[in-house]
């Protein structure tokens, strides 16, 4: 049984159908091999990448499976298969990231209470300052609830940063942008511009402020856990892909 046959179209956990998972070299790629057979994505492509450390980590996910395969727990496998099978969506992913710049959490500030406004400025301003230097363009901030359009120069500068990047990178940045509500935080995580916990905490400033005032609630806890899981998984994926040279520019 192959990977797509085992996992496609089934919500139940299939039984483990292999004894050994390992990394092999195949046509210039490092690939996941199950019982010495190259694993395929649901779309039929080789489950592989040019980054050895990424494939080794994915192999470890497969090796750690028990009697049944829990694909939901295999975040790196899911991210790579998505990047491979849906690479035609790269342009849409890139556009999604750019759209977040106009609604970026870090650019929308509270007026009151003053303590929250101070906390936002304290945590978010250094990150926006870093981003301005990194991207070569400053983002405007506002205290209005009405969305603002960032300057065209800023959007073009960010678009150029993403122009030749791998689909894997674009996918991970999109996921972090969606999870945190901030493309700026996604770029900061990609570049490891700040300690990872600082970047994540920046996405939860308002939630943590409300918790300090009113206490924790189940809905907020669930959201924080979900965001953290997506942030950590996509961030680790970026780290493992790092060092792999950008693919040649394409029409995607």
C-alpha atoms as a PDB file:
ATOM      1  CA  UNK A   1       0.000   0.000   0.000  1.00  0.00           C
ATOM      2  CA  UNK A   2       1.357   3.429  -0.911  1.00  0.00           C
ATOM      3  CA  UNK A   3       1.033   6.697   0.982  1.00  0.00           C
ATOM      4  CA  UNK A   4      -1.831   8.140  -1.122  1.00  0.00           C
ATOM      5  CA  UNK A   5      -3.722   4.833  -1.084  1.00  0.00           C
ATOM      6  CA  UNK A   6      -3.393   4.686   2.674  1.00  0.00           C
ATOM      7  CA  UNK A   7      -4.450   8.237   3.468  1.00  0.00           C
ATOM      8  CA  UNK A   8      -6.502   9.745   0.653  1.00  0.00           C
ATOM      9  CA  UNK A   9     -10.244   9.998   1.088  1.00  0.00           C
ATOM     10  CA  UNK A  10     -10.326   8.368   4.511  1.00  0.00           C
ATOM     11  CA  UNK A  11     -11.086   9.991   7.834  1.00  0.00           C
ATOM     12  CA  UNK A  12     -10.254   6.866   9.815  1.00  0.00           C
ATOM     13  CA  UNK A  13      -6.687   6.122  10.751  1.00  0.00           C
ATOM     14  CA  UNK A  14      -5.282   3.479   8.411  1.00  0.00           C
ATOM     15  CA  UNK A  15      -3.142   0.721   9.805  1.00  0.00           C
ATOM     16  CA  UNK A  16       0.609   1.032   9.519  1.00  0.00           C
ATOM     17  CA  UNK A  17       1.587  -0.712   6.275  1.00  0.00           C
ATOM     18  CA  UNK A  18       5.401  -0.472   6.456  1.00  0.00           C
ATOM     19  CA  UNK A  19       8.142  -1.631   8.794  1.00  0.00           C
ATOM     20  CA  UNK A  20      10.889   0.863   8.004  1.00  0.00           C
ATOM     21  CA  UNK A  21      10.994   4.569   7.116  1.00  0.00           C
ATOM     22  CA  UNK A  22      14.238   6.038   5.797  1.00  0.00           C
ATOM     23  CA  UNK A  23      15.737   8.848   3.711  1.00  0.00           C
ATOM     24  CA  UNK A  24      17.028   7.969   0.256  1.00  0.00           C
ATOM     25  CA  UNK A  25      18.503   9.990  -2.618  1.00  0.00           C
ATOM     26  CA  UNK A  26      16.508   9.922  -5.836  1.00  0.00           C
ATOM     27  CA  UNK A  27      17.068  12.088  -8.938  1.00  0.00           C
ATOM     28  CA  UNK A  28      18.653  14.921  -6.980  1.00  0.00           C
ATOM     29  CA  UNK A  29      16.063  14.867  -4.210  1.00  0.00           C
ATOM     30  CA  UNK A  30      16.085  13.422  -0.735  1.00  0.00           C
ATOM     31  CA  UNK A  31      12.940  11.328  -0.513  1.00  0.00           C
ATOM     32  CA  UNK A  32      10.911   9.502   2.096  1.00  0.00           C
ATOM     33  CA  UNK A  33      11.138   5.755   1.545  1.00  0.00           C
ATOM     34  CA  UNK A  34       8.844   3.234   3.198  1.00  0.00           C
ATOM     35  CA  UNK A  35      10.252  -0.286   3.086  1.00  0.00           C
ATOM     36  CA  UNK A  36      12.726   0.957   0.457  1.00  0.00           C
ATOM     37  CA  UNK A  37       9.921   2.250  -1.817  1.00  0.00           C
ATOM     38  CA  UNK A  38       9.722   5.968  -2.527  1.00  0.00           C
ATOM     39  CA  UNK A  39       6.606   7.397  -0.873  1.00  0.00           C
ATOM     40  CA  UNK A  40       4.271   9.415  -3.071  1.00  0.00           C
ATOM     41  CA  UNK A  41       2.045  12.364  -2.231  1.00  0.00           C
ATOM     42  CA  UNK A  42      -1.727  12.033  -2.701  1.00  0.00           C
ATOM     43  CA  UNK A  43      -1.165  13.743  -6.057  1.00  0.00           C
ATOM     44  CA  UNK A  44       1.293  11.065  -7.123  1.00  0.00           C
ATOM     45  CA  UNK A  45       4.528  13.068  -6.800  1.00  0.00           C
ATOM     46  CA  UNK A  46       7.596  11.899  -4.941  1.00  0.00           C
ATOM     47  CA  UNK A  47       7.496  12.869  -1.283  1.00  0.00           C
ATOM     48  CA  UNK A  48      10.872  14.574  -1.278  1.00  0.00           C
ATOM     49  CA  UNK A  49      12.842  17.807  -1.118  1.00  0.00           C
ATOM     50  CA  UNK A  50      16.334  19.196  -1.648  1.00  0.00           C
ATOM     51  CA  UNK A  51      16.687  19.800   2.099  1.00  0.00           C
ATOM     52  CA  UNK A  52      18.053  16.681   3.798  1.00  0.00           C
ATOM     53  CA  UNK A  53      17.156  17.912   7.280  1.00  0.00           C
ATOM     54  CA  UNK A  54      13.528  18.449   6.248  1.00  0.00           C
ATOM     55  CA  UNK A  55      13.178  14.991   4.771  1.00  0.00           C
ATOM     56  CA  UNK A  56      14.930  13.412   7.761  1.00  0.00           C
ATOM     57  CA  UNK A  57      12.395  15.105  10.048  1.00  0.00           C
ATOM     58  CA  UNK A  58       9.512  13.842   7.908  1.00  0.00           C
ATOM     59  CA  UNK A  59      10.962  10.342   7.955  1.00  0.00           C
ATOM     60  CA  UNK A  60      11.016  10.590  11.742  1.00  0.00           C
ATOM     61  CA  UNK A  61       7.293  11.414  11.713  1.00  0.00           C
ATOM     62  CA  UNK A  62       6.638   8.216   9.773  1.00  0.00           C
ATOM     63  CA  UNK A  63       8.963   6.166  11.957  1.00  0.00           C
ATOM     64  CA  UNK A  64       7.179   7.306  15.113  1.00  0.00           C
ATOM     65  CA  UNK A  65       3.765   6.070  13.971  1.00  0.00           C
ATOM     66  CA  UNK A  66       2.298   3.179  15.902  1.00  0.00           C
ATOM     67  CA  UNK A  67      -0.094   0.513  14.694  1.00  0.00           C
ATOM     68  CA  UNK A  68      -2.150   3.172  12.903  1.00  0.00           C
ATOM     69  CA  UNK A  69      -1.136   6.327  11.027  1.00  0.00           C
ATOM     70  CA  UNK A  70      -2.195   9.646  12.544  1.00  0.00           C
ATOM     71  CA  UNK A  71      -1.692  12.059   9.648  1.00  0.00           C
ATOM     72  CA  UNK A  72      -3.035  14.968  11.730  1.00  0.00           C
ATOM     73  CA  UNK A  73      -0.002  14.600  13.982  1.00  0.00           C
ATOM     74  CA  UNK A  74       2.388  14.653  11.018  1.00  0.00           C
ATOM     75  CA  UNK A  75       2.527  18.392  10.408  1.00  0.00           C
ATOM     76  CA  UNK A  76       5.708  18.397   8.320  1.00  0.00           C
ATOM     77  CA  UNK A  77       4.354  15.662   6.048  1.00  0.00           C
ATOM     78  CA  UNK A  78       1.121  17.594   5.536  1.00  0.00           C
ATOM     79  CA  UNK A  79       2.937  20.856   4.805  1.00  0.00           C
ATOM     80  CA  UNK A  80       5.318  19.356   2.267  1.00  0.00           C
ATOM     81  CA  UNK A  81       2.611  17.388   0.463  1.00  0.00           C
ATOM     82  CA  UNK A  82       0.501  20.546   0.245  1.00  0.00           C
ATOM     83  CA  UNK A  83       3.418  22.553  -1.138  1.00  0.00           C
ATOM     84  CA  UNK A  84       4.146  19.837  -3.717  1.00  0.00           C
ATOM     85  CA  UNK A  85       0.630  18.962  -4.845  1.00  0.00           C
ATOM     86  CA  UNK A  86      -0.791  22.484  -4.741  1.00  0.00           C
ATOM     87  CA  UNK A  87       2.237  24.430  -5.950  1.00  0.00           C
ATOM     88  CA  UNK A  88      -0.003  25.944  -8.620  1.00  0.00           C
ATOM     89  CA  UNK A  89      -1.615  27.910  -5.791  1.00  0.00           C
ATOM     90  CA  UNK A  90       1.622  29.717  -4.963  1.00  0.00           C
ATOM     91  CA  UNK A  91       0.440  32.968  -6.565  1.00  0.00           C
ATOM     92  CA  UNK A  92      -2.757  32.880  -4.507  1.00  0.00           C
ATOM     93  CA  UNK A  93      -0.762  32.196  -1.327  1.00  0.00           C
ATOM     94  CA  UNK A  94       1.526  35.123  -2.113  1.00  0.00           C
ATOM     95  CA  UNK A  95      -1.463  37.411  -2.714  1.00  0.00           C
ATOM     96  CA  UNK A  96      -2.968  36.314   0.584  1.00  0.00           C
ATOM     97  CA  UNK A  97       0.193  37.354   2.437  1.00  0.00           C
ATOM     98  CA  UNK A  98       0.221  40.753   0.712  1.00  0.00           C
ATOM     99  CA  UNK A  99      -3.430  41.281   1.606  1.00  0.00           C
ATOM    100  CA  UNK A 100      -2.571  40.815   5.277  1.00  0.00           C
ATOM    101  CA  UNK A 101      -0.371  43.900   5.148  1.00  0.00           C
ATOM    102  CA  UNK A 102      -3.490  46.070   4.840  1.00  0.00           C
ATOM    103  CA  UNK A 103      -5.110  44.455   7.876  1.00  0.00           C
ATOM    104  CA  UNK A 104      -1.996  43.521   9.830  1.00  0.00           C
ATOM    105  CA  UNK A 105      -2.681  43.207  13.543  1.00  0.00           C
ATOM    106  CA  UNK A 106       0.435  45.194  14.420  1.00  0.00           C
ATOM    107  CA  UNK A 107      -0.836  48.217  12.489  1.00  0.00           C
ATOM    108  CA  UNK A 108      -4.171  48.586  14.339  1.00  0.00           C
ATOM    109  CA  UNK A 109      -3.836  50.150  17.751  1.00  0.00           C
ATOM    110  CA  UNK A 110      -6.168  50.668  20.675  1.00  0.00           C
ATOM    111  CA  UNK A 111      -6.834  54.169  22.004  1.00  0.00           C
ATOM    112  CA  UNK A 112      -8.151  52.916  25.300  1.00  0.00           C
ATOM    113  CA  UNK A 113      -7.615  51.508  27.751  1.00  0.00           C
ATOM    114  CA  UNK A 114      -4.277  53.263  27.935  1.00  0.00           C
ATOM    115  CA  UNK A 115      -2.560  50.227  29.411  1.00  0.00           C
ATOM    116  CA  UNK A 116      -3.392  48.183  26.322  1.00  0.00           C
ATOM    117  CA  UNK A 117      -2.255  50.939  23.952  1.00  0.00           C
ATOM    118  CA  UNK A 118       1.024  51.169  25.871  1.00  0.00           C
ATOM    119  CA  UNK A 119       1.491  47.408  25.779  1.00  0.00           C
ATOM    120  CA  UNK A 120       0.867  47.281  22.025  1.00  0.00           C
ATOM    121  CA  UNK A 121       3.401  50.024  21.367  1.00  0.00           C
ATOM    122  CA  UNK A 122       5.960  48.423  23.677  1.00  0.00           C
ATOM    123  CA  UNK A 123       5.792  45.031  21.953  1.00  0.00           C
ATOM    124  CA  UNK A 124       4.794  45.856  18.391  1.00  0.00           C
ATOM    125  CA  UNK A 125       6.851  48.978  17.619  1.00  0.00           C
ATOM    126  CA  UNK A 126      10.252  47.212  17.731  1.00  0.00           C
ATOM    127  CA  UNK A 127       8.952  44.547  15.365  1.00  0.00           C
ATOM    128  CA  UNK A 128       7.577  47.120  12.933  1.00  0.00           C
ATOM    129  CA  UNK A 129      10.895  48.990  13.105  1.00  0.00           C
ATOM    130  CA  UNK A 130      12.745  45.803  12.237  1.00  0.00           C
ATOM    131  CA  UNK A 131      10.338  45.118   9.379  1.00  0.00           C
ATOM    132  CA  UNK A 132      10.814  48.595   7.914  1.00  0.00           C
ATOM    133  CA  UNK A 133      14.562  47.996   7.756  1.00  0.00           C
ATOM    134  CA  UNK A 134      14.195  44.452   6.442  1.00  0.00           C
ATOM    135  CA  UNK A 135      11.625  45.247   3.747  1.00  0.00           C
ATOM    136  CA  UNK A 136      12.867  48.739   2.984  1.00  0.00           C
ATOM    137  CA  UNK A 137       9.420  50.229   3.565  1.00  0.00           C
ATOM    138  CA  UNK A 138       7.499  51.463   6.594  1.00  0.00           C
ATOM    139  CA  UNK A 139       3.940  50.401   7.347  1.00  0.00           C
ATOM    140  CA  UNK A 140       1.400  52.946   8.529  1.00  0.00           C
ATOM    141  CA  UNK A 141      -0.448  52.415  11.808  1.00  0.00           C
ATOM    142  CA  UNK A 142      -3.901  53.595  12.841  1.00  0.00           C
ATOM    143  CA  UNK A 143      -6.264  53.679  15.802  1.00  0.00           C
ATOM    144  CA  UNK A 144      -9.267  53.527  13.485  1.00  0.00           C
ATOM    145  CA  UNK A 145     -11.370  50.398  13.011  1.00  0.00           C
ATOM    146  CA  UNK A 146     -11.555  51.202   9.309  1.00  0.00           C
ATOM    147  CA  UNK A 147      -8.992  49.325   7.232  1.00  0.00           C
ATOM    148  CA  UNK A 148      -6.187  51.403   5.792  1.00  0.00           C
ATOM    149  CA  UNK A 149      -4.412  50.874   2.501  1.00  0.00           C
ATOM    150  CA  UNK A 150      -0.684  50.605   2.941  1.00  0.00           C
ATOM    151  CA  UNK A 151       1.481  52.599   0.557  1.00  0.00           C
ATOM    152  CA  UNK A 152       2.025  50.991  -2.816  1.00  0.00           C
ATOM    153  CA  UNK A 153       5.798  51.171  -2.290  1.00  0.00           C
ATOM    154  CA  UNK A 154       5.486  49.000   0.803  1.00  0.00           C
ATOM    155  CA  UNK A 155       3.408  46.375  -0.994  1.00  0.00           C
ATOM    156  CA  UNK A 156       5.817  46.301  -3.932  1.00  0.00           C
ATOM    157  CA  UNK A 157       8.806  45.926  -1.601  1.00  0.00           C
ATOM    158  CA  UNK A 158       7.237  42.916   0.114  1.00  0.00           C
ATOM    159  CA  UNK A 159       6.132  41.436  -3.196  1.00  0.00           C
ATOM    160  CA  UNK A 160       9.738  41.577  -4.374  1.00  0.00           C
ATOM    161  CA  UNK A 161      10.880  39.744  -1.238  1.00  0.00           C
ATOM    162  CA  UNK A 162       8.544  36.885  -2.112  1.00  0.00           C
ATOM    163  CA  UNK A 163       8.979  36.900  -5.877  1.00  0.00           C
ATOM    164  CA  UNK A 164      11.414  33.994  -6.267  1.00  0.00           C
ATOM    165  CA  UNK A 165      10.785  32.093  -3.075  1.00  0.00           C
ATOM    166  CA  UNK A 166       9.978  28.410  -2.896  1.00  0.00           C
ATOM    167  CA  UNK A 167       6.304  27.347  -2.693  1.00  0.00           C
ATOM    168  CA  UNK A 168       7.168  25.750   0.658  1.00  0.00           C
ATOM    169  CA  UNK A 169       8.231  29.115   2.078  1.00  0.00           C
ATOM    170  CA  UNK A 170       5.206  30.948   0.676  1.00  0.00           C
ATOM    171  CA  UNK A 171       2.843  28.323   2.096  1.00  0.00           C
ATOM    172  CA  UNK A 172       4.382  28.509   5.568  1.00  0.00           C
ATOM    173  CA  UNK A 173       4.318  32.320   5.565  1.00  0.00           C
ATOM    174  CA  UNK A 174       0.672  32.266   4.557  1.00  0.00           C
ATOM    175  CA  UNK A 175      -0.180  29.882   7.384  1.00  0.00           C
ATOM    176  CA  UNK A 176       1.612  31.983  10.004  1.00  0.00           C
ATOM    177  CA  UNK A 177       0.022  35.172   8.630  1.00  0.00           C
ATOM    178  CA  UNK A 178      -3.437  33.615   8.914  1.00  0.00           C
ATOM    179  CA  UNK A 179      -2.808  32.152  12.355  1.00  0.00           C
ATOM    180  CA  UNK A 180      -1.442  35.379  13.865  1.00  0.00           C
ATOM    181  CA  UNK A 181      -3.314  37.916  11.750  1.00  0.00           C
ATOM    182  CA  UNK A 182       0.023  39.432  10.799  1.00  0.00           C
ATOM    183  CA  UNK A 183       2.266  39.140   7.756  1.00  0.00           C
ATOM    184  CA  UNK A 184       4.875  41.127   9.682  1.00  0.00           C
ATOM    185  CA  UNK A 185       5.048  38.430  12.353  1.00  0.00           C
ATOM    186  CA  UNK A 186       5.292  35.767   9.655  1.00  0.00           C
ATOM    187  CA  UNK A 187       8.327  37.502   8.151  1.00  0.00           C
ATOM    188  CA  UNK A 188       9.848  37.962  11.603  1.00  0.00           C
ATOM    189  CA  UNK A 189       9.490  34.227  12.281  1.00  0.00           C
ATOM    190  CA  UNK A 190      10.920  33.338   8.866  1.00  0.00           C
ATOM    191  CA  UNK A 191      13.982  35.475   9.482  1.00  0.00           C
ATOM    192  CA  UNK A 192      14.213  34.573  13.201  1.00  0.00           C
ATOM    193  CA  UNK A 193      14.403  38.319  13.824  1.00  0.00           C
ATOM    194  CA  UNK A 194      13.368  37.863  17.464  1.00  0.00           C
ATOM    195  CA  UNK A 195      13.149  34.892  19.821  1.00  0.00           C
ATOM    196  CA  UNK A 196      10.297  32.718  18.618  1.00  0.00           C
ATOM    197  CA  UNK A 197       8.311  33.065  21.843  1.00  0.00           C
ATOM    198  CA  UNK A 198       8.512  36.860  21.549  1.00  0.00           C
ATOM    199  CA  UNK A 199       7.026  36.712  18.045  1.00  0.00           C
ATOM    200  CA  UNK A 200       4.225  34.408  19.141  1.00  0.00           C
ATOM    201  CA  UNK A 201       3.471  36.483  22.247  1.00  0.00           C
ATOM    202  CA  UNK A 202       3.182  39.551  20.016  1.00  0.00           C
ATOM    203  CA  UNK A 203       0.248  37.892  18.278  1.00  0.00           C
ATOM    204  CA  UNK A 204      -1.556  37.439  21.600  1.00  0.00           C
ATOM    205  CA  UNK A 205      -1.165  40.909  23.155  1.00  0.00           C
ATOM    206  CA  UNK A 206      -4.856  41.751  23.213  1.00  0.00           C
ATOM    207  CA  UNK A 207      -5.882  38.270  24.363  1.00  0.00           C
ATOM    208  CA  UNK A 208      -3.392  38.304  27.214  1.00  0.00           C
ATOM    209  CA  UNK A 209      -4.512  41.784  28.245  1.00  0.00           C
ATOM    210  CA  UNK A 210      -8.118  40.596  28.456  1.00  0.00           C
ATOM    211  CA  UNK A 211      -7.067  37.538  30.437  1.00  0.00           C
ATOM    212  CA  UNK A 212      -5.263  39.744  32.954  1.00  0.00           C
ATOM    213  CA  UNK A 213      -8.401  41.828  33.371  1.00  0.00           C
ATOM    214  CA  UNK A 214     -11.130  39.197  33.282  1.00  0.00           C
ATOM    215  CA  UNK A 215      -9.447  35.828  33.685  1.00  0.00           C
ATOM    216  CA  UNK A 216      -9.103  32.926  31.301  1.00  0.00           C
ATOM    217  CA  UNK A 217     -11.948  31.393  29.341  1.00  0.00           C
ATOM    218  CA  UNK A 218     -12.184  28.169  27.395  1.00  0.00           C
ATOM    219  CA  UNK A 219     -12.679  29.772  23.979  1.00  0.00           C
ATOM    220  CA  UNK A 220      -9.611  31.968  24.354  1.00  0.00           C
ATOM    221  CA  UNK A 221      -7.548  29.004  25.544  1.00  0.00           C
ATOM    222  CA  UNK A 222      -8.583  26.949  22.526  1.00  0.00           C
ATOM    223  CA  UNK A 223      -7.722  29.752  20.115  1.00  0.00           C
ATOM    224  CA  UNK A 224      -4.336  30.315  21.731  1.00  0.00           C
ATOM    225  CA  UNK A 225      -3.564  26.597  21.530  1.00  0.00           C
ATOM    226  CA  UNK A 226      -4.593  26.422  17.878  1.00  0.00           C
ATOM    227  CA  UNK A 227      -2.536  29.475  16.924  1.00  0.00           C
ATOM    228  CA  UNK A 228       0.476  28.127  18.805  1.00  0.00           C
ATOM    229  CA  UNK A 229       0.249  24.746  17.089  1.00  0.00           C
ATOM    230  CA  UNK A 230       0.040  26.299  13.612  1.00  0.00           C
ATOM    231  CA  UNK A 231       2.756  28.845  14.406  1.00  0.00           C
ATOM    232  CA  UNK A 232       5.166  26.211  15.718  1.00  0.00           C
ATOM    233  CA  UNK A 233       4.553  23.743  12.892  1.00  0.00           C
ATOM    234  CA  UNK A 234       4.926  26.283  10.084  1.00  0.00           C
ATOM    235  CA  UNK A 235       7.897  27.891  11.822  1.00  0.00           C
ATOM    236  CA  UNK A 236       9.727  24.587  12.162  1.00  0.00           C
ATOM    237  CA  UNK A 237       8.961  23.854   8.513  1.00  0.00           C
ATOM    238  CA  UNK A 238      10.563  27.172   7.528  1.00  0.00           C
ATOM    239  CA  UNK A 239      13.626  26.384   9.620  1.00  0.00           C
ATOM    240  CA  UNK A 240      14.076  23.001   7.960  1.00  0.00           C
ATOM    241  CA  UNK A 241      13.609  24.391   4.462  1.00  0.00           C
ATOM    242  CA  UNK A 242      16.123  27.178   5.185  1.00  0.00           C
ATOM    243  CA  UNK A 243      19.360  26.948   3.284  1.00  0.00           C
ATOM    244  CA  UNK A 244      17.725  25.405   0.246  1.00  0.00           C
ATOM    245  CA  UNK A 245      18.335  27.821  -2.666  1.00  0.00           C
ATOM    246  CA  UNK A 246      15.258  29.562  -4.088  1.00  0.00           C
ATOM    247  CA  UNK A 247      13.670  27.934  -7.090  1.00  0.00           C
ATOM    248  CA  UNK A 248      13.859  29.723 -10.410  1.00  0.00           C
ATOM    249  CA  UNK A 249      11.127  32.300 -10.932  1.00  0.00           C
ATOM    250  CA  UNK A 250       7.993  30.794 -12.428  1.00  0.00           C
ATOM    251  CA  UNK A 251       4.559  31.977 -13.445  1.00  0.00           C
ATOM    252  CA  UNK A 252       3.054  30.903 -10.099  1.00  0.00           C
END
